[in-house]
Each structure stands twice: as C-alpha cells, then as structure tokens.
Amino acid sequence: MGGGCINQAFKLSDGKRSFFVKTNGADRLSMFEAEAAGLEEILASQSLRAPRPVCYGTSGGAAWLVLEFLELGGRGSGAEMGRLLAHLHRTTGPRFGWKRDNTIGSTPQLNAWTDRWVDFLRDQRLGYQLQLAAQQDYGTRLQSKGERLRAGLDAFFSAYQPVPSLLHGDLWGGNAGYLTSGEPVVFDPAVYYGDREADLAMTELFGGFGADFHAAYREAWPLDPGYGTRKTLYNLYHILNHAHLFGGGYVGQAQSMLDRLLAEIN
C-alpha cells in the first residue's frame, strides 16, 4: 500500500480479517513500539478514533507493526473532527512530556517529563532541533537566531500558562481522515503531553483542515488571544525538523520564522 516515506506498508488479509502492517529495519523496532503506545494513549482518551495496535516485533532482520485495518475514504465532518480533537486535548497529564521518547517522522523526539512548558519547549523541542541543524552546518545565523529565541521564550508565556494536554504531536492533513462511515480518524502519532496550541498550529502549517474544523474546535474550547503569534513558534519545530530531513527551502523558511518571532521579543 502507499503511505509515508519512512516505512513499507501492506494490507494483510485472509479473506475474513484484514490488518495494516508496517515494516522497516530491525533497528526501528523502538519506533514501532512508541507508535503502538501512542495509539493506545489516544484510544484510552475515548475521543478520536485511531487504529488499534495488534502486535509488533522483529523477524528476518526486519521490524514490523501490525495494526487494525481501517478503510479510509469517507466524507466526514470537519466540525466533528474539531470537537473530538478538543476532547482529546481535555485529557491531561501530570507534567509536560511522556513516558518515553518517540519519533517525529524518522527524527528522535525527546519527551522527558518537565514541570514547566517553556523549559520543555526550549530544551526538548527547539534546542534539540538546533543541535541537529548545527551538525548539518546550516550556518551560524540560524544558530545565533535560534539561541536568541530560546533565551527570550518566556516573553511568549507571560500571560499564558498551558496545561499538559494529550497531543497527537504530528497532526498534518496526511495523518487524519475519515472512515467510509464518515467517522474521523487519526494515525501516525508522535504523542506527548504539551500545549494544545502545538497540535492546532500544525493543522494550519500544511493545510487540510477546513474552517468548519477550526470553528468547532474554538467553540468547544476557545483559544487564548496569543495563539496567533505562538503558532509560528510551534511550527518552527516542524520546519526545523523538515530542514533536518529534507534540507532545501526549509532552512530559509526557518530563518524567516525566526526573524518574525525575534521581532516579537526585541
């Protein structure tokens, strides 16, 4: 089956039951273990539908993850997707982070439990991505701007203190859809407990979520007025990750985002 650029994907069926199977090298087993745990966390929230993990393991030099097969392609309600995402975000944790690290795409994503959101964002999101950028030698300007932003992060949270909401973590249009029944469904998560605005920001980064989705979410759980500025901050993490994975124009896009954010704190 078609899918993402990281794994091979198959539909496995005996004519009565069907499963969705992902495979990769045996060294990727921890990625599949984390994905299964993330899907279970979403399912436990009793909010958005997600494929239920069946099993995972290694065999013949390959790692594999078996999931419930869900038939996609229905026409669903964006408003219902928005309401259910707000329900997911109402599930909260004791601190920011998660019980294990996982991946964002194929990049490690650090999730050590942290008391303050701004510290988590500074060190385990922006700081780690800037370390990866330094290893790829994208130039000193990106690093210096990134460090200035990290030093001034508190300015974005002077009047706003988020709660640790359960996040999908990688919520772009390709990781959400509708079953043939019309029921909203999400998959390929990178879950952690963080600011719900981070999920919403990504829904705006690459499109795929309509005005009805956003209106229904805001009706279910209104947003803080500062979201319009902070969404650039949260999407910077994903653009830095895309620069790490794909290079190209994402480096310049990250520079432009840093300039806009630094203008807010200068």
Protein backbone atom coordinates (compact mmCIF):
# COMPACT_ATOMS: atom_id res chain seq x y z
CA MET A 1 0.00 0.00 0.00
CA GLY A 2 1.03 3.60 -0.48
CA GLY A 3 1.85 5.68 2.54
CA GLY A 4 4.64 7.72 4.06
CA CYS A 5 8.28 7.89 3.05
CA ILE A 6 9.67 6.06 6.11
CA ASN A 7 8.18 2.55 6.14
CA GLN A 8 6.85 -0.02 3.75
CA ALA A 9 3.13 -0.67 4.25
CA PHE A 10 0.95 -3.66 3.43
CA LYS A 11 -2.62 -4.83 3.79
CA LEU A 12 -2.62 -8.41 5.09
CA SER A 13 -5.84 -10.40 4.77
CA ASP A 14 -7.08 -13.99 4.96
CA GLY A 15 -10.37 -13.05 3.32
CA LYS A 16 -12.15 -12.66 6.66
CA ARG A 17 -9.90 -10.32 8.63
CA SER A 18 -7.57 -7.58 7.45
CA PHE A 19 -4.63 -5.87 9.11
CA PHE A 20 -2.39 -2.92 8.26
CA VAL A 21 1.29 -3.81 8.52
CA LYS A 22 4.33 -1.51 8.58
CA THR A 23 7.86 -2.81 8.16
CA ASN A 24 11.33 -1.32 8.47
CA GLY A 25 14.81 -2.39 9.53
CA ALA A 26 15.12 -4.28 12.80
CA ASP A 27 16.81 -1.24 14.36
CA ARG A 28 13.49 0.63 14.04
CA LEU A 29 11.59 -1.58 16.48
CA SER A 30 11.59 1.12 19.18
CA MET A 31 9.88 3.48 16.73
CA PHE A 32 7.07 0.96 16.24
CA GLU A 33 6.83 0.29 19.99
CA ALA A 34 6.42 4.03 20.61
CA GLU A 35 3.82 4.34 17.86
CA ALA A 36 1.79 1.49 19.32
CA ALA A 37 1.96 3.06 22.79
CA GLY A 38 0.88 6.42 21.36
CA LEU A 39 -2.11 4.92 19.60
CA GLU A 40 -3.14 3.18 22.83
CA GLU A 41 -2.88 6.52 24.66
CA ILE A 42 -5.16 8.19 22.12
CA LEU A 43 -7.65 5.32 22.26
CA ALA A 44 -7.71 5.44 26.06
CA SER A 45 -8.84 9.08 25.89
CA GLN A 46 -12.11 7.93 24.25
CA SER A 47 -12.02 10.84 21.85
CA LEU A 48 -10.72 10.48 18.29
CA ARG A 49 -10.73 7.08 16.60
CA ALA A 50 -7.32 5.61 15.86
CA PRO A 51 -6.18 2.19 14.59
CA ARG A 52 -5.79 -0.29 17.43
CA PRO A 53 -2.36 -1.92 17.70
CA VAL A 54 -2.32 -5.71 17.38
CA CYS A 55 1.35 -6.65 17.81
CA TYR A 56 4.91 -5.72 16.87
CA GLY A 57 8.26 -7.44 16.77
CA THR A 58 11.24 -8.39 14.63
CA SER A 59 11.85 -11.23 12.20
CA GLY A 60 14.41 -11.90 9.49
CA GLY A 61 16.22 -8.60 10.01
CA ALA A 62 13.02 -6.53 9.83
CA ALA A 63 10.86 -4.79 12.43
CA TRP A 64 7.10 -4.80 11.97
CA LEU A 65 3.98 -3.27 13.45
CA VAL A 66 0.53 -4.78 12.91
CA LEU A 67 -2.49 -2.51 13.29
CA GLU A 68 -6.23 -2.79 12.92
CA PHE A 69 -7.09 -2.13 9.27
CA LEU A 70 -9.38 0.86 8.86
CA GLU A 71 -10.98 1.59 5.49
CA LEU A 72 -10.50 5.27 4.73
CA GLY A 73 -12.04 7.46 2.08
CA GLY A 74 -15.36 8.56 3.53
CA ARG A 75 -16.77 12.07 3.53
CA GLY A 76 -16.82 13.18 7.13
CA SER A 77 -17.50 16.29 9.18
CA GLY A 78 -14.59 18.63 9.79
CA ALA A 79 -16.60 20.10 12.66
CA GLU A 80 -16.80 16.67 14.31
CA MET A 81 -13.05 16.25 13.88
CA GLY A 82 -12.53 19.61 15.60
CA ARG A 83 -14.82 18.76 18.51
CA LEU A 84 -13.15 15.39 19.03
CA LEU A 85 -9.68 16.95 18.94
CA ALA A 86 -10.76 19.32 21.71
CA HIS A 87 -11.94 16.25 23.63
CA LEU A 88 -8.53 14.63 23.14
CA HIS A 89 -6.84 17.76 24.49
CA ARG A 90 -9.04 17.68 27.59
CA THR A 91 -7.08 14.58 28.59
CA THR A 92 -4.28 15.98 30.73
CA GLY A 93 -1.09 14.65 32.29
CA PRO A 94 0.82 15.40 35.49
CA ARG A 95 3.61 17.26 33.67
CA PHE A 96 4.83 18.04 30.17
CA GLY A 97 6.40 15.19 28.23
CA TRP A 98 5.60 11.50 28.05
CA LYS A 99 6.61 8.14 29.48
CA ARG A 100 9.04 7.50 26.61
CA ASP A 101 10.74 9.19 23.70
CA ASN A 102 9.31 8.63 20.23
CA THR A 103 9.90 9.98 16.73
CA ILE A 104 8.70 12.90 14.64
CA GLY A 105 8.96 11.48 11.15
CA SER A 106 12.16 9.49 11.47
CA THR A 107 13.79 12.02 13.83
CA PRO A 108 14.06 11.19 17.55
CA GLN A 109 11.63 13.23 19.66
CA LEU A 110 12.62 13.77 23.28
CA ASN A 111 9.86 13.62 25.90
CA ALA A 112 11.46 13.67 29.36
CA TRP A 113 8.92 14.80 31.98
CA THR A 114 9.30 18.53 32.69
CA ASP A 115 7.44 20.78 35.14
CA ARG A 116 7.43 23.98 33.06
CA TRP A 117 6.22 24.05 29.48
CA VAL A 118 8.63 26.80 28.47
CA ASP A 119 11.56 24.67 29.68
CA PHE A 120 10.28 21.65 27.76
CA LEU A 121 9.86 23.72 24.60
CA ARG A 122 13.25 25.40 25.00
CA ASP A 123 15.29 22.25 25.56
CA GLN A 124 13.50 19.22 24.16
CA ARG A 125 11.93 20.78 21.11
CA LEU A 126 13.79 23.85 19.81
CA GLY A 127 17.11 23.08 21.49
CA TYR A 128 17.33 19.57 20.13
CA GLN A 129 16.40 20.63 16.60
CA LEU A 130 19.03 23.38 16.70
CA GLN A 131 21.61 20.78 17.73
CA LEU A 132 20.67 18.72 14.68
CA ALA A 133 20.92 21.82 12.48
CA ALA A 134 24.41 22.55 13.84
CA GLN A 135 25.51 19.03 12.90
CA GLN A 136 24.38 19.69 9.33
CA ASP A 137 26.20 23.02 9.17
CA TYR A 138 23.35 25.27 8.08
CA GLY A 139 25.38 28.31 9.09
CA THR A 140 25.88 30.41 12.19
CA ARG A 141 22.95 32.76 11.50
CA LEU A 142 20.38 30.03 12.10
CA GLN A 143 22.12 29.00 15.31
CA SER A 144 22.53 32.52 16.68
CA LYS A 145 18.92 33.45 15.96
CA GLY A 146 17.74 30.18 17.46
CA GLU A 147 19.67 30.73 20.66
CA ARG A 148 18.35 34.29 20.96
CA LEU A 149 14.83 32.94 20.61
CA ARG A 150 15.43 30.24 23.23
CA ALA A 151 16.76 32.87 25.65
CA GLY A 152 13.63 35.01 25.18
CA LEU A 153 10.97 32.29 25.18
CA ASP A 154 9.40 33.42 28.45
CA ALA A 155 8.08 36.52 26.68
CA PHE A 156 5.55 34.37 24.80
CA PHE A 157 4.12 32.98 28.04
CA SER A 158 3.97 35.98 30.35
CA ALA A 159 0.16 35.90 30.43
CA TYR A 160 -0.47 32.35 29.26
CA GLN A 161 0.18 29.10 31.11
CA PRO A 162 -0.90 25.98 29.18
CA VAL A 163 -1.99 22.74 30.80
CA PRO A 164 -0.32 19.44 29.76
CA SER A 165 -2.82 18.21 27.15
CA LEU A 166 -2.55 14.90 25.34
CA LEU A 167 -1.39 15.78 21.81
CA HIS A 168 -1.34 13.81 18.59
CA GLY A 169 2.01 15.51 18.01
CA ASP A 170 2.21 15.24 14.19
CA LEU A 171 -1.22 16.45 13.14
CA TRP A 172 -0.94 17.39 9.48
CA GLY A 173 -3.58 16.53 6.90
CA GLY A 174 -1.88 13.29 5.85
CA ASN A 175 -2.26 11.85 9.35
CA ALA A 176 -6.02 12.34 9.64
CA GLY A 177 -9.02 11.25 7.60
CA TYR A 178 -12.45 9.70 7.68
CA LEU A 179 -13.64 6.13 7.66
CA THR A 180 -16.12 5.04 4.99
CA SER A 181 -18.78 5.60 7.68
CA GLY A 182 -17.67 9.24 7.96
CA GLU A 183 -16.12 8.83 11.41
CA PRO A 184 -12.98 10.97 11.92
CA VAL A 185 -9.76 9.01 12.48
CA VAL A 186 -6.11 9.92 13.20
CA PHE A 187 -2.97 7.83 12.83
CA ASP A 188 0.86 8.03 12.76
CA PRO A 189 1.03 9.95 16.05
CA ALA A 190 4.03 11.40 17.87
CA VAL A 191 2.19 11.80 21.17
CA TYR A 192 3.22 13.69 24.28
CA TYR A 193 1.59 15.97 26.83
CA GLY A 194 2.07 19.59 25.83
CA ASP A 195 0.34 22.83 24.91
CA ARG A 196 -2.74 22.05 22.81
CA GLU A 197 -1.85 25.03 20.62
CA ALA A 198 1.05 22.97 19.21
CA ASP A 199 -1.40 20.50 17.63
CA LEU A 200 -3.61 23.27 16.28
CA ALA A 201 -0.64 25.15 14.86
CA MET A 202 0.38 22.14 12.80
CA THR A 203 -3.13 21.79 11.37
CA GLU A 204 -2.51 25.21 9.80
CA LEU A 205 1.05 24.52 8.61
CA PHE A 206 0.34 22.39 5.54
CA GLY A 207 -3.45 22.77 5.24
CA GLY A 208 -6.02 20.01 5.04
CA PHE A 209 -8.27 21.19 7.87
CA GLY A 210 -11.11 23.47 6.90
CA ALA A 211 -12.81 26.44 8.51
CA ASP A 212 -15.52 24.20 10.00
CA PHE A 213 -12.86 22.20 11.84
CA HIS A 214 -11.29 25.30 13.38
CA ALA A 215 -14.62 26.91 14.26
CA ALA A 216 -15.88 23.78 16.01
CA TYR A 217 -12.65 23.39 17.98
CA ARG A 218 -12.78 27.01 19.16
CA GLU A 219 -16.43 26.62 20.11
CA ALA A 220 -15.59 23.53 22.16
CA TRP A 221 -12.52 25.13 23.77
CA PRO A 222 -11.78 28.78 22.96
CA LEU A 223 -8.17 29.75 22.28
CA ASP A 224 -6.03 32.33 24.06
CA PRO A 225 -5.57 35.59 22.07
CA GLY A 226 -1.82 34.97 21.87
CA TYR A 227 -2.23 31.83 19.77
CA GLY A 228 -1.82 33.78 16.53
CA THR A 229 1.77 34.57 17.47
CA ARG A 230 2.65 31.31 19.22
CA LYS A 231 1.56 29.14 16.30
CA THR A 232 4.65 30.33 14.42
CA LEU A 233 6.75 29.32 17.42
CA TYR A 234 5.28 25.82 17.47
CA ASN A 235 5.51 25.32 13.73
CA LEU A 236 9.17 26.35 13.80
CA TYR A 237 9.87 22.99 15.44
CA HIS A 238 8.37 21.14 12.48
CA ILE A 239 10.07 23.32 9.88
CA LEU A 240 13.44 22.78 11.58
CA ASN A 241 12.72 19.06 11.51
CA HIS A 242 11.87 19.23 7.80
CA ALA A 243 15.13 21.10 7.23
CA HIS A 244 16.94 18.27 9.03
CA LEU A 245 15.16 15.59 6.97
CA PHE A 246 14.89 17.28 3.58
CA GLY A 247 17.06 20.43 3.56
CA GLY A 248 16.25 22.71 0.67
CA GLY A 249 13.95 25.66 1.19
CA TYR A 250 13.02 24.64 4.71
CA VAL A 251 16.24 26.24 6.01
CA GLY A 252 15.25 29.60 4.58
CA GLN A 253 11.70 29.20 5.89
CA ALA A 254 13.06 28.54 9.38
CA GLN A 255 15.19 31.70 9.12
CA SER A 256 12.12 33.77 8.20
CA MET A 257 10.10 32.34 11.07
CA LEU A 258 12.92 33.10 13.49
CA ASP A 259 13.01 36.70 12.26
CA ARG A 260 9.26 37.11 12.87
CA LEU A 261 9.48 35.62 16.35
CA LEU A 262 12.53 37.65 17.36
CA ALA A 263 10.69 40.82 16.29
CA GLU A 264 8.06 39.98 18.93
CA ILE A 265 10.58 39.99 21.79
CA ASN A 266 13.00 42.75 20.71
